[in-house]
Amino acid sequence: MSESTDPASAADQIAAGYAFTGPALELGALLWDGACLPDRQIRIPLSMLNRHGLVAGATGTGKTKTLQLIAEQLSAGGVPVFLADVKGDVCGISAPGTPGERIAERAKEVAQEWEATGFPSEFYSLGGIGPGIPLRATVTSFGPVLMSKVLQLNQTQEQSLGLIFHYADSKGLELIDLKDLRAVVAFLVSDQGKAELKGIGGLSTVTAGVILRALTAFEQQGAAEFFGEPEFDTGEFLRTAADGRGVVSVLELPAVQDKPQLFSTFLMWLLADLYTDLPEVGDLERPKLVFFFDEAHLLFNGASKAFLESITQTVRLIRSKGIGVFFVTQTPKDVPADVLAQLGNRVQHALRAFTPDDAKALKATVKTFPNSPYDLEELLTGLGTGEAVITVLSEKGAPTPVAATRLRAPQSLMGPIDAAALDTAVKSSPLYARYAQAVDRESAYEKISAEQAAAEAAAEAAAARAAAEKQAEKDAKEAAKGARGAPKPEPSLAEQVVGSGLFRSLARSVGTQLGREISRSIFGTAKRRR
C-alpha cells in the first residue's frame, strides 16, 4: 500500500497533521500498511465544519453511518444538524444504539469509548407525505429558478417563468400554491392580460401552454402538497435542546423517494432560504448549522446553467453565515468542479472498478486528492465497510495529509426506530401544532377568479344598460326630435370596465394588502418577511 521507505515515519507524519489544539470531531483511527493504529487518531476541527465537505462512496460502503457519526458529535458539541433521510434509516439517531460484539470490537480497534446514546431530534416530511412535521414552501418563496428545475423546463421556458414571477413580484402579488401560479399564467395570455407584459416582454401562448401542462403533470404526481401555508421557517433548524446539545433535524423522504427532482430541489430551497435569512457572521468557533445534502447527484442532473450558478454562489457565500454544507454522493465527479472546489473536508469511502466507466471515475477521484504516500487507486478499491480515505482542513485552513481511516461506530441506533415511536415523536413536538394543518387563505387564484366574475357580471350589466340606453335614446328621439346640447352621458359601465383593466384593479388591491414589491435573493427565492 505505501510507497514510503519508512512506514512508521510516514504514519507519524500523517497523524501529526490531525493533532489539533481546539475542539474537534473524532472520526477514527489511522490505517497504515493494513494495520489499524488506535493511538493515531484522525479528527476534524469543529471550526472548519463551515468550510463544507463531501462524503462519497459506492452503495453499501457506510456513507450513512458516517453521516450519523458526524451528526452525533456535532449535536454533542452544541451544533444543530440537518439530515435528509432518503431510505428511512437515519431516524435511529434519536434512540440509543444496541451494544453488541461487533460494536465492542470496532470500539476497541479505534480506541473509542462507546456508550449507547440517543440525540435530540425533530422529524419532518415534505408537505406531510409520510411521517413528520410537514415542510411547505409558498410558490413565491420557492422562486422561478427552483420551480423551473422541478417542472423540467428548458432555458426559454425558464426565462418565461422568470418573467411571470417578475410580474407577480412587481405587483406585490404573492403566489401561495400551484393554483395561484396557474391562474397568473392563464391570465397573462388571456385577452385581458396580454397587455400587462408588453412593457417587459411578452409571454407566448405556446410557452404558457407548456408551463401549464408541466404544472398539471406536477400536480398529478402529488406535488401540490409541498406548496402552501403555513410556510416552514428554516430558522427552526438552528435550535438547541435544553441540555445544550444541537437538535438533529431529520427530513423523512422514503414516501417521496420516487420524486428525486422534487426533493433534491426542495433541499436546495431550504439551504437558499437559510442563506437569505441569516446575517453575516464570518468565521465562528463552531457552525450555526451543518446541512447534509444526501443524494447530491440528483440536484445536479439536468440542471440549467442558471441553476448551477446559483448553487455555486450559494455554497460559496453561505459559509459566512455560519452554515456548513456536506454533499453526499457516490463519486466526486457527481459534483460540478466549481462546487467541488469549495468542499474542503473529504470523506471518501470505497469505490468499485468493475467497468471501464468505474475505472475512469476511480482515476478522476484520485486526482482530486492531495499528494499522498498511499497508492490511492489500490486503496480506494480495497477499503472495507466503515473505512474511508480522509483529508480535512486544519485549524489554519490548510489541507491535512491524506489518511486511510477506520471509522468509529455511531452511538445511536443504526437503523430505523419503530413506526409508532416515530409517530409519537412527531406529534409530541411543539412544532407539530404550528405546521401540521394546511391553510388556504385568499391569494392570486381567488382574487383573479373574483375579479373575472365581477368583470363578467359588470359586462352583462353594461350590456343590459346599453340596451336600455339605446331604447331610451330611441324613445327620446321620437318624443323630442331636434333636441340639442344635452350633457354628455357618463361613461357606460362597460367602458369603465375596459378602461380600468381587470388586473390593474387586482394589482392595486393586492399591492395595498402586501405593502411592497416582493424582493428576491441570488437564487431567485423570495426574501422572508419577519
Protein backbone atom coordinates (compact mmCIF):
# COMPACT_ATOMS: atom_id res chain seq x y z
CA MET A 1 0.00 0.00 0.00
CA SER A 2 2.66 2.51 0.93
CA GLU A 3 5.45 3.83 -1.20
CA SER A 4 7.44 5.13 1.77
CA THR A 5 10.72 3.50 2.80
CA ASP A 6 9.97 4.38 6.43
CA PRO A 7 6.36 3.35 7.16
CA ALA A 8 6.43 4.37 10.82
CA SER A 9 7.71 7.83 9.97
CA ALA A 10 5.07 8.31 7.26
CA ALA A 11 2.31 7.23 9.65
CA ASP A 12 3.60 9.64 12.29
CA GLN A 13 3.64 12.49 9.78
CA ILE A 14 0.06 11.79 8.76
CA ALA A 15 -1.10 11.58 12.38
CA ALA A 16 0.72 14.82 13.22
CA GLY A 17 -1.44 16.60 10.63
CA TYR A 18 -4.53 15.79 12.75
CA ALA A 19 -3.16 16.86 16.15
CA PHE A 20 -5.41 19.89 16.55
CA THR A 21 -5.49 22.03 19.69
CA GLY A 22 -9.12 23.20 19.58
CA PRO A 23 -12.41 21.25 19.70
CA ALA A 24 -12.57 18.54 17.05
CA LEU A 25 -14.76 15.65 15.94
CA GLU A 26 -13.21 12.21 16.38
CA LEU A 27 -13.58 10.26 13.14
CA GLY A 28 -11.47 7.15 13.75
CA ALA A 29 -8.01 5.61 13.78
CA LEU A 30 -5.32 5.68 11.09
CA LEU A 31 -4.89 2.68 8.79
CA TRP A 32 -1.36 2.04 7.61
CA ASP A 33 0.09 -1.00 5.83
CA GLY A 34 -3.03 -2.99 6.62
CA ALA A 35 -2.92 -2.27 10.36
CA CYS A 36 -5.24 -0.07 12.44
CA LEU A 37 -3.26 2.27 14.71
CA PRO A 38 -5.57 3.29 17.61
CA ASP A 39 -3.01 5.72 19.05
CA ARG A 40 -3.08 7.79 15.84
CA GLN A 41 -6.48 9.48 15.74
CA ILE A 42 -8.00 11.17 12.70
CA ARG A 43 -10.10 14.22 13.52
CA ILE A 44 -11.74 17.30 12.01
CA PRO A 45 -11.64 20.75 13.69
CA LEU A 46 -15.09 21.94 14.73
CA SER A 47 -14.25 25.44 13.47
CA MET A 48 -13.70 24.07 9.95
CA LEU A 49 -17.10 22.43 9.57
CA ASN A 50 -18.46 25.55 7.85
CA ARG A 51 -15.85 25.09 5.09
CA HIS A 52 -18.11 22.42 3.62
CA GLY A 53 -17.39 18.84 2.73
CA LEU A 54 -18.04 15.74 0.67
CA VAL A 55 -18.94 12.24 1.81
CA ALA A 56 -18.68 9.86 -1.15
CA GLY A 57 -18.53 6.16 -1.87
CA ALA A 58 -20.24 3.27 -3.57
CA THR A 59 -23.54 1.92 -2.29
CA GLY A 60 -23.12 -0.14 0.88
CA THR A 61 -19.75 1.26 1.92
CA GLY A 62 -21.00 3.06 5.03
CA LYS A 63 -21.80 6.64 3.96
CA THR A 64 -24.98 6.79 6.03
CA LYS A 65 -23.18 5.61 9.16
CA THR A 66 -20.51 8.26 8.57
CA LEU A 67 -23.22 10.93 8.45
CA GLN A 68 -24.67 9.56 11.65
CA LEU A 69 -21.25 9.56 13.36
CA ILE A 70 -20.53 13.17 12.38
CA ALA A 71 -24.07 14.33 13.22
CA GLU A 72 -23.89 12.78 16.69
CA GLN A 73 -20.67 14.56 17.57
CA LEU A 74 -21.91 17.86 16.18
CA SER A 75 -25.05 17.57 18.29
CA ALA A 76 -22.96 16.70 21.36
CA GLY A 77 -20.87 19.81 20.66
CA GLY A 78 -23.94 22.07 20.61
CA VAL A 79 -24.19 22.34 16.80
CA PRO A 80 -27.61 21.76 15.17
CA VAL A 81 -27.67 19.38 12.20
CA PHE A 82 -29.95 18.83 9.21
CA LEU A 83 -30.07 15.35 7.64
CA ALA A 84 -32.11 14.11 4.69
CA ASP A 85 -33.22 10.52 5.33
CA VAL A 86 -33.80 9.10 1.85
CA LYS A 87 -34.06 5.43 2.82
CA GLY A 88 -35.64 5.81 6.25
CA ASP A 89 -32.81 4.52 8.42
CA VAL A 90 -31.38 7.76 9.83
CA CYS A 91 -34.25 8.29 12.26
CA GLY A 92 -32.44 5.91 14.62
CA ILE A 93 -30.18 8.79 15.65
CA SER A 94 -32.86 9.71 18.21
CA ALA A 95 -32.53 6.38 20.07
CA PRO A 96 -29.60 4.76 21.91
CA GLY A 97 -27.68 2.19 19.90
CA THR A 98 -27.67 -1.52 20.62
CA PRO A 99 -24.49 -2.88 22.24
CA GLY A 100 -23.00 -5.97 20.66
CA GLU A 101 -19.87 -7.89 19.91
CA ARG A 102 -19.17 -6.13 16.62
CA ILE A 103 -19.63 -2.71 18.20
CA ALA A 104 -17.29 -3.62 21.06
CA GLU A 105 -14.68 -4.93 18.63
CA ARG A 106 -14.82 -1.79 16.47
CA ALA A 107 -14.60 0.45 19.54
CA LYS A 108 -11.51 -1.40 20.76
CA GLU A 109 -9.82 -1.20 17.35
CA VAL A 110 -10.20 2.59 17.14
CA ALA A 111 -9.81 3.45 20.87
CA GLN A 112 -13.42 4.62 21.17
CA GLU A 113 -15.25 4.82 24.48
CA TRP A 114 -18.58 3.70 23.08
CA GLU A 115 -21.77 4.39 25.04
CA ALA A 116 -25.29 3.90 23.72
CA THR A 117 -26.75 7.40 23.30
CA GLY A 118 -29.75 8.95 21.58
CA PHE A 119 -29.71 12.55 20.39
CA PRO A 120 -32.42 15.26 20.43
CA SER A 121 -34.23 15.04 17.10
CA GLU A 122 -37.10 16.52 15.12
CA PHE A 123 -38.67 14.68 12.19
CA TYR A 124 -40.07 16.38 9.10
CA SER A 125 -41.77 15.36 5.86
CA LEU A 126 -42.34 17.14 2.56
CA GLY A 127 -45.87 18.50 2.59
CA GLY A 128 -46.93 15.97 5.20
CA ILE A 129 -46.41 12.99 2.87
CA GLY A 130 -45.04 10.32 5.19
CA PRO A 131 -44.29 10.63 8.91
CA GLY A 132 -43.04 14.02 10.07
CA ILE A 133 -43.90 17.66 10.64
CA PRO A 134 -44.96 18.99 7.21
CA LEU A 135 -42.48 21.23 5.39
CA ARG A 136 -44.13 23.57 2.90
CA ALA A 137 -42.99 26.49 0.81
CA THR A 138 -45.05 29.10 -0.99
CA VAL A 139 -44.57 29.28 -4.75
CA THR A 140 -43.45 32.90 -4.35
CA SER A 141 -40.75 31.88 -1.90
CA PHE A 142 -39.63 28.89 -3.98
CA GLY A 143 -38.90 31.18 -6.92
CA PRO A 144 -38.60 30.72 -10.70
CA VAL A 145 -35.17 29.04 -10.84
CA LEU A 146 -36.09 26.20 -8.49
CA MET A 147 -39.59 25.89 -9.93
CA SER A 148 -38.14 25.56 -13.43
CA LYS A 149 -35.94 22.73 -12.17
CA VAL A 150 -38.83 20.71 -10.73
CA LEU A 151 -41.02 21.39 -13.79
CA GLN A 152 -38.09 20.35 -16.03
CA LEU A 153 -38.38 23.44 -18.24
CA ASN A 154 -35.84 24.35 -20.89
CA GLN A 155 -33.93 27.64 -20.88
CA THR A 156 -36.52 29.57 -22.91
CA GLN A 157 -39.37 28.33 -20.75
CA GLU A 158 -37.35 29.08 -17.59
CA GLN A 159 -36.88 32.67 -18.77
CA SER A 160 -40.61 32.99 -19.41
CA LEU A 161 -41.40 31.64 -15.96
CA GLY A 162 -38.98 34.20 -14.55
CA LEU A 163 -40.95 36.90 -16.35
CA ILE A 164 -44.19 35.62 -14.81
CA PHE A 165 -42.66 35.72 -11.32
CA HIS A 166 -41.23 39.18 -12.00
CA TYR A 167 -44.67 40.44 -12.96
CA ALA A 168 -46.29 38.95 -9.85
CA ASP A 169 -43.46 40.33 -7.67
CA SER A 170 -43.73 43.82 -9.15
CA LYS A 171 -47.43 43.87 -8.33
CA GLY A 172 -46.76 42.69 -4.78
CA LEU A 173 -48.78 39.60 -5.61
CA GLU A 174 -47.93 36.50 -3.56
CA LEU A 175 -48.30 33.08 -5.16
CA ILE A 176 -49.17 30.75 -2.30
CA ASP A 177 -49.78 27.45 -4.08
CA LEU A 178 -49.72 25.93 -7.56
CA LYS A 179 -53.24 27.03 -8.47
CA ASP A 180 -52.13 30.64 -7.89
CA LEU A 181 -49.30 30.22 -10.37
CA ARG A 182 -51.63 28.53 -12.84
CA ALA A 183 -54.12 31.40 -12.52
CA VAL A 184 -51.49 34.08 -13.21
CA VAL A 185 -50.07 32.20 -16.22
CA ALA A 186 -53.55 31.76 -17.69
CA PHE A 187 -54.38 35.42 -17.06
CA LEU A 188 -51.26 36.74 -18.75
CA VAL A 189 -52.13 35.02 -22.04
CA SER A 190 -55.81 35.96 -21.87
CA ASP A 191 -57.27 38.84 -23.88
CA GLN A 192 -57.38 40.99 -20.76
CA GLY A 193 -53.88 40.12 -19.54
CA LYS A 194 -51.71 40.21 -22.69
CA ALA A 195 -51.18 43.96 -22.43
CA GLU A 196 -49.73 43.62 -18.94
CA LEU A 197 -46.41 42.19 -20.18
CA LYS A 198 -45.91 44.38 -23.26
CA GLY A 199 -43.51 46.70 -21.50
CA ILE A 200 -41.21 43.91 -20.27
CA GLY A 201 -41.58 41.27 -22.96
CA GLY A 202 -44.48 39.08 -23.92
CA LEU A 203 -45.42 35.55 -22.99
CA SER A 204 -46.21 33.30 -25.94
CA THR A 205 -49.28 31.10 -25.73
CA VAL A 206 -47.13 28.11 -26.73
CA THR A 207 -44.72 28.59 -23.82
CA ALA A 208 -47.59 29.29 -21.44
CA GLY A 209 -49.19 26.06 -22.62
CA VAL A 210 -46.01 24.11 -21.88
CA ILE A 211 -45.80 25.61 -18.38
CA LEU A 212 -49.47 24.89 -17.68
CA ARG A 213 -49.11 21.27 -18.87
CA ALA A 214 -45.99 20.85 -16.74
CA LEU A 215 -47.92 22.18 -13.73
CA THR A 216 -50.73 19.72 -14.41
CA ALA A 217 -48.31 16.78 -14.58
CA PHE A 218 -46.57 18.04 -11.47
CA GLU A 219 -49.86 18.20 -9.55
CA GLN A 220 -50.81 14.71 -10.72
CA GLN A 221 -47.63 13.44 -9.05
CA GLY A 222 -48.96 14.78 -5.73
CA ALA A 223 -46.59 17.75 -5.67
CA ALA A 224 -49.33 20.23 -4.83
CA GLU A 225 -48.97 19.14 -1.19
CA PHE A 226 -45.50 20.70 -0.96
CA PHE A 227 -46.63 24.22 -1.76
CA GLY A 228 -48.81 26.30 0.51
CA GLU A 229 -49.04 27.65 4.02
CA PRO A 230 -48.03 27.70 6.77
CA GLU A 231 -44.64 28.08 5.14
CA PHE A 232 -41.83 26.47 7.10
CA ASP A 233 -39.40 28.80 8.86
CA THR A 234 -35.93 27.32 8.27
CA GLY A 235 -34.76 29.10 11.43
CA GLU A 236 -36.33 26.12 13.27
CA PHE A 237 -33.27 24.11 12.19
CA LEU A 238 -30.98 26.27 14.34
CA ARG A 239 -32.35 25.19 17.70
CA THR A 240 -30.55 23.53 20.58
CA ALA A 241 -32.10 21.28 23.21
CA ALA A 242 -32.50 22.18 26.88
CA ASP A 243 -29.27 20.31 27.70
CA GLY A 244 -27.29 22.38 25.20
CA ARG A 245 -26.97 19.71 22.53
CA GLY A 246 -27.80 20.64 18.95
CA VAL A 247 -31.14 19.42 17.62
CA VAL A 248 -30.83 16.96 14.73
CA SER A 249 -33.50 17.76 12.12
CA VAL A 250 -34.27 14.65 10.05
CA LEU A 251 -36.26 15.05 6.83
CA GLU A 252 -38.01 11.72 6.18
CA LEU A 253 -38.06 11.09 2.42
CA PRO A 254 -38.93 7.39 1.88
CA ALA A 255 -42.50 8.27 0.87
CA VAL A 256 -41.25 10.60 -1.90
CA GLN A 257 -38.02 8.89 -2.95
CA ASP A 258 -39.64 8.28 -6.34
CA LYS A 259 -39.66 12.07 -6.85
CA PRO A 260 -35.91 12.80 -6.76
CA GLN A 261 -36.09 16.03 -8.79
CA LEU A 262 -38.57 17.42 -6.31
CA PHE A 263 -36.97 16.51 -3.01
CA SER A 264 -33.44 17.42 -4.11
CA THR A 265 -34.65 20.81 -5.32
CA PHE A 266 -36.66 21.31 -2.14
CA LEU A 267 -33.47 20.70 -0.14
CA MET A 268 -31.85 23.45 -2.17
CA TRP A 269 -34.74 25.77 -1.27
CA LEU A 270 -34.15 25.08 2.41
CA LEU A 271 -30.47 25.94 2.01
CA ALA A 272 -31.18 29.04 -0.09
CA ASP A 273 -33.77 30.23 2.44
CA LEU A 274 -31.22 29.90 5.24
CA TYR A 275 -28.72 31.88 3.20
CA THR A 276 -31.22 34.66 2.52
CA ASP A 277 -32.44 34.89 6.09
CA LEU A 278 -29.26 34.71 8.18
CA PRO A 279 -26.90 37.61 8.96
CA GLU A 280 -23.21 37.65 8.10
CA VAL A 281 -21.13 36.30 10.99
CA GLY A 282 -17.75 35.44 9.44
CA ASP A 283 -15.75 32.53 10.84
CA LEU A 284 -17.09 31.10 14.09
CA GLU A 285 -15.58 28.72 16.64
CA ARG A 286 -18.42 26.36 15.79
CA PRO A 287 -21.00 26.47 12.97
CA LYS A 288 -24.60 27.57 13.48
CA LEU A 289 -25.75 24.54 11.48
CA VAL A 290 -24.29 21.73 9.39
CA PHE A 291 -26.51 20.71 6.47
CA PHE A 292 -26.06 17.25 4.92
CA PHE A 293 -27.24 17.13 1.31
CA ASP A 294 -27.86 13.44 0.57
CA GLU A 295 -28.16 12.02 -2.96
CA ALA A 296 -26.45 15.17 -4.19
CA HIS A 297 -26.10 13.92 -7.76
CA LEU A 298 -29.88 14.29 -8.14
CA LEU A 299 -29.52 18.02 -7.58
CA PHE A 300 -27.15 18.46 -10.49
CA ASN A 301 -28.74 16.08 -13.01
CA GLY A 302 -30.30 18.10 -15.83
CA ALA A 303 -29.60 21.39 -14.06
CA SER A 304 -29.66 24.57 -16.13
CA LYS A 305 -26.74 26.97 -16.26
CA ALA A 306 -28.63 29.45 -14.06
CA PHE A 307 -29.37 26.73 -11.54
CA LEU A 308 -25.73 25.58 -11.32
CA GLU A 309 -24.51 29.16 -11.00
CA SER A 310 -26.95 29.74 -8.16
CA ILE A 311 -25.82 26.60 -6.32
CA THR A 312 -22.17 27.59 -6.69
CA GLN A 313 -22.77 31.09 -5.43
CA THR A 314 -24.94 29.95 -2.52
CA VAL A 315 -22.39 27.37 -1.36
CA ARG A 316 -19.56 29.88 -1.66
CA LEU A 317 -21.31 32.61 0.32
CA ILE A 318 -23.26 30.66 2.94
CA ARG A 319 -20.04 29.89 4.83
CA SER A 320 -20.00 33.47 6.08
CA LYS A 321 -23.49 32.90 7.51
CA GLY A 322 -22.10 30.15 9.76
CA ILE A 323 -23.58 27.25 7.74
CA GLY A 324 -21.58 24.18 6.72
CA VAL A 325 -22.78 22.03 3.81
CA PHE A 326 -21.79 18.42 3.17
CA PHE A 327 -22.73 16.86 -0.15
CA VAL A 328 -23.27 13.10 -0.04
CA THR A 329 -22.99 11.09 -3.26
CA GLN A 330 -21.19 8.18 -4.89
CA THR A 331 -18.21 9.83 -6.59
CA PRO A 332 -16.74 13.34 -6.61
CA LYS A 333 -17.46 13.56 -10.34
CA ASP A 334 -21.17 13.79 -9.44
CA VAL A 335 -20.47 17.31 -8.16
CA PRO A 336 -19.58 20.13 -10.61
CA ALA A 337 -15.96 21.27 -10.41
CA ASP A 338 -16.85 24.79 -9.22
CA VAL A 339 -18.79 23.35 -6.29
CA LEU A 340 -16.28 20.57 -5.56
CA ALA A 341 -13.50 23.15 -5.28
CA GLN A 342 -15.30 24.64 -2.26
CA LEU A 343 -15.55 21.37 -0.34
CA GLY A 344 -12.52 21.43 1.96
CA ASN A 345 -13.35 18.32 4.02
CA ARG A 346 -13.42 14.95 2.28
CA VAL A 347 -14.50 11.50 3.46
CA GLN A 348 -14.16 9.05 0.57
CA HIS A 349 -15.44 5.51 1.10
CA ALA A 350 -14.62 2.61 -1.20
CA LEU A 351 -15.16 2.80 -4.95
CA ARG A 352 -15.69 -0.08 -7.36
CA ALA A 353 -13.85 -0.58 -10.64
CA PHE A 354 -15.92 -3.29 -12.31
CA THR A 355 -16.41 -1.45 -15.62
CA PRO A 356 -14.37 0.95 -17.79
CA ASP A 357 -16.57 3.80 -16.56
CA ASP A 358 -15.88 2.77 -12.96
CA ALA A 359 -12.14 2.75 -13.66
CA LYS A 360 -12.36 6.20 -15.22
CA ALA A 361 -14.28 7.53 -12.20
CA LEU A 362 -11.67 6.00 -9.88
CA LYS A 363 -8.79 7.73 -11.66
CA ALA A 364 -10.72 11.04 -11.61
CA THR A 365 -11.33 10.67 -7.86
CA VAL A 366 -7.65 10.02 -7.13
CA LYS A 367 -6.73 13.26 -8.92
CA THR A 368 -8.93 15.27 -6.54
CA PHE A 369 -6.79 14.32 -3.52
CA PRO A 370 -3.51 15.95 -2.42
CA ASN A 371 -0.27 14.03 -2.99
CA SER A 372 -0.14 11.01 -0.74
CA PRO A 373 2.22 8.19 0.30
CA TYR A 374 -0.67 5.79 -0.35
CA ASP A 375 -1.37 4.08 -3.66
CA LEU A 376 -4.84 5.61 -3.74
CA GLU A 377 -6.17 3.60 -6.68
CA GLU A 378 -5.38 0.38 -4.87
CA LEU A 379 -6.52 1.74 -1.51
CA LEU A 380 -9.90 3.06 -2.66
CA THR A 381 -10.91 -0.27 -4.20
CA GLY A 382 -9.78 -2.22 -1.13
CA LEU A 383 -11.40 -0.30 1.70
CA GLY A 384 -13.85 -2.24 3.87
CA THR A 385 -17.25 -1.11 5.09
CA GLY A 386 -16.79 1.64 7.66
CA GLU A 387 -13.38 2.64 6.30
CA ALA A 388 -12.58 5.77 4.31
CA VAL A 389 -9.84 7.97 2.91
CA ILE A 390 -9.95 11.34 4.66
CA THR A 391 -8.46 14.77 4.21
CA VAL A 392 -9.81 17.85 6.01
CA LEU A 393 -8.83 21.44 6.63
CA SER A 394 -6.57 22.12 9.59
CA GLU A 395 -7.31 24.88 12.08
CA LYS A 396 -5.24 27.17 9.84
CA GLY A 397 -7.27 26.25 6.77
CA ALA A 398 -4.61 24.07 5.09
CA PRO A 399 -5.39 20.55 3.81
CA THR A 400 -4.31 17.75 6.12
CA PRO A 401 -2.40 14.70 4.82
CA VAL A 402 -4.49 12.00 3.21
CA ALA A 403 -5.34 9.40 5.87
CA ALA A 404 -6.88 5.97 5.42
CA THR A 405 -9.16 5.64 8.43
CA ARG A 406 -11.17 3.00 10.23
CA LEU A 407 -14.17 4.98 11.38
CA ARG A 408 -15.78 4.97 14.80
CA ALA A 409 -19.19 3.38 15.33
CA PRO A 410 -22.24 5.61 15.85
CA GLN A 411 -23.57 5.56 19.41
CA SER A 412 -27.19 5.87 18.35
CA LEU A 413 -29.35 3.19 16.75
CA MET A 414 -28.00 2.17 13.33
CA GLY A 415 -31.38 1.61 11.73
CA PRO A 416 -34.94 2.96 11.85
CA ILE A 417 -36.88 3.40 15.05
CA ASP A 418 -40.30 1.81 15.45
CA ALA A 419 -43.04 3.49 13.38
CA ALA A 420 -45.16 4.07 16.48
CA ALA A 421 -42.23 5.71 18.28
CA LEU A 422 -41.61 7.93 15.26
CA ASP A 423 -45.27 8.97 15.14
CA THR A 424 -45.22 9.76 18.86
CA ALA A 425 -42.06 11.85 18.47
CA VAL A 426 -43.60 13.83 15.61
CA LYS A 427 -46.93 14.57 17.30
CA SER A 428 -45.37 15.44 20.66
CA SER A 429 -43.18 18.12 19.08
CA PRO A 430 -44.19 21.74 19.83
CA LEU A 431 -43.72 22.43 16.10
CA TYR A 432 -46.43 19.96 15.08
CA ALA A 433 -49.29 22.25 16.06
CA ARG A 434 -47.63 25.13 14.22
CA TYR A 435 -47.19 23.41 10.86
CA ALA A 436 -49.41 20.31 10.72
CA GLN A 437 -52.62 21.87 9.42
CA ALA A 438 -52.51 23.39 5.92
CA VAL A 439 -54.10 26.83 5.47
CA ASP A 440 -55.59 28.04 2.18
CA ARG A 441 -56.11 31.77 2.50
CA GLU A 442 -57.21 34.15 -0.21
CA SER A 443 -54.46 34.60 -2.79
CA ALA A 444 -53.94 35.09 -6.53
CA TYR A 445 -56.32 32.34 -7.64
CA GLU A 446 -59.22 33.59 -5.55
CA LYS A 447 -58.58 37.23 -6.39
CA ILE A 448 -58.33 36.64 -10.14
CA SER A 449 -61.45 34.44 -10.06
CA ALA A 450 -63.35 37.08 -8.10
CA GLU A 451 -62.25 39.88 -10.43
CA GLN A 452 -63.15 37.84 -13.51
CA ALA A 453 -66.57 37.02 -12.07
CA ALA A 454 -67.08 40.69 -11.25
CA ALA A 455 -65.96 41.68 -14.73
CA GLU A 456 -68.36 39.20 -16.34
CA ALA A 457 -71.21 40.45 -14.18
CA ALA A 458 -70.27 44.03 -14.96
CA ALA A 459 -70.15 43.25 -18.68
CA GLU A 460 -73.61 41.68 -18.53
CA ALA A 461 -74.93 44.66 -16.58
CA ALA A 462 -73.25 47.01 -19.04
CA ALA A 463 -74.83 45.21 -21.98
CA ALA A 464 -78.25 45.45 -20.34
CA ARG A 465 -77.68 49.09 -19.54
CA ALA A 466 -76.52 49.80 -23.08
CA ALA A 467 -79.63 48.16 -24.47
CA ALA A 468 -81.79 50.18 -22.10
CA GLU A 469 -79.92 53.36 -23.02
CA LYS A 470 -80.38 52.62 -26.70
CA GLN A 471 -84.10 52.10 -26.25
CA ALA A 472 -84.37 55.23 -24.12
CA GLU A 473 -82.45 57.19 -26.72
CA LYS A 474 -84.78 55.95 -29.44
CA ASP A 475 -87.79 56.90 -27.37
CA ALA A 476 -86.32 60.30 -26.62
CA LYS A 477 -85.65 60.96 -30.29
CA GLU A 478 -89.23 60.16 -31.15
CA ALA A 479 -90.53 62.34 -28.30
CA ALA A 480 -88.30 65.33 -28.85
CA LYS A 481 -86.71 65.46 -32.27
CA GLY A 482 -84.08 68.10 -32.72
CA ALA A 483 -83.07 68.32 -29.05
CA ARG A 484 -79.51 69.62 -28.86
CA GLY A 485 -76.91 70.42 -26.27
CA ALA A 486 -77.75 67.64 -23.83
CA PRO A 487 -74.93 66.97 -21.34
CA LYS A 488 -72.58 64.16 -22.33
CA PRO A 489 -73.62 60.98 -20.57
CA GLU A 490 -71.19 59.46 -18.08
CA PRO A 491 -69.09 56.58 -19.41
CA SER A 492 -71.04 53.35 -19.52
CA LEU A 493 -70.21 50.58 -17.11
CA ALA A 494 -68.73 48.58 -19.99
CA GLU A 495 -66.42 51.50 -20.85
CA GLN A 496 -65.40 51.75 -17.20
CA VAL A 497 -64.53 48.04 -17.03
CA VAL A 498 -62.49 48.14 -20.25
CA GLY A 499 -60.80 51.39 -19.28
CA SER A 500 -59.72 50.26 -15.84
CA GLY A 501 -58.25 46.95 -16.92
CA LEU A 502 -59.05 43.77 -14.97
CA PHE A 503 -55.68 43.21 -13.45
CA ARG A 504 -54.85 46.84 -12.70
CA SER A 505 -57.61 46.75 -10.13
CA LEU A 506 -56.43 43.40 -8.83
CA ALA A 507 -52.81 44.50 -8.58
CA ARG A 508 -53.77 47.67 -6.69
CA SER A 509 -55.88 45.75 -4.18
CA VAL A 510 -53.21 43.12 -3.60
CA GLY A 511 -50.43 45.69 -3.51
CA THR A 512 -52.28 47.56 -0.80
CA GLN A 513 -52.54 44.40 1.28
CA LEU A 514 -48.92 43.29 0.88
CA GLY A 515 -47.44 46.73 1.19
CA ARG A 516 -44.50 46.46 -1.17
CA GLU A 517 -42.91 44.64 -4.08
CA ILE A 518 -41.50 41.19 -3.37
CA SER A 519 -37.70 41.06 -3.47
CA ARG A 520 -35.51 38.06 -4.25
CA SER A 521 -32.14 36.61 -3.34
CA ILE A 522 -29.34 35.44 -5.63
CA PHE A 523 -31.09 32.07 -6.01
CA GLY A 524 -34.38 33.68 -7.02
CA THR A 525 -36.03 32.71 -3.75
CA ALA A 526 -38.18 35.33 -2.05
CA LYS A 527 -36.73 37.13 0.95
CA ARG A 528 -38.65 36.25 4.07
CA ARG A 529 -40.51 38.96 5.90
CA ARG A 530 -40.15 38.96 9.69
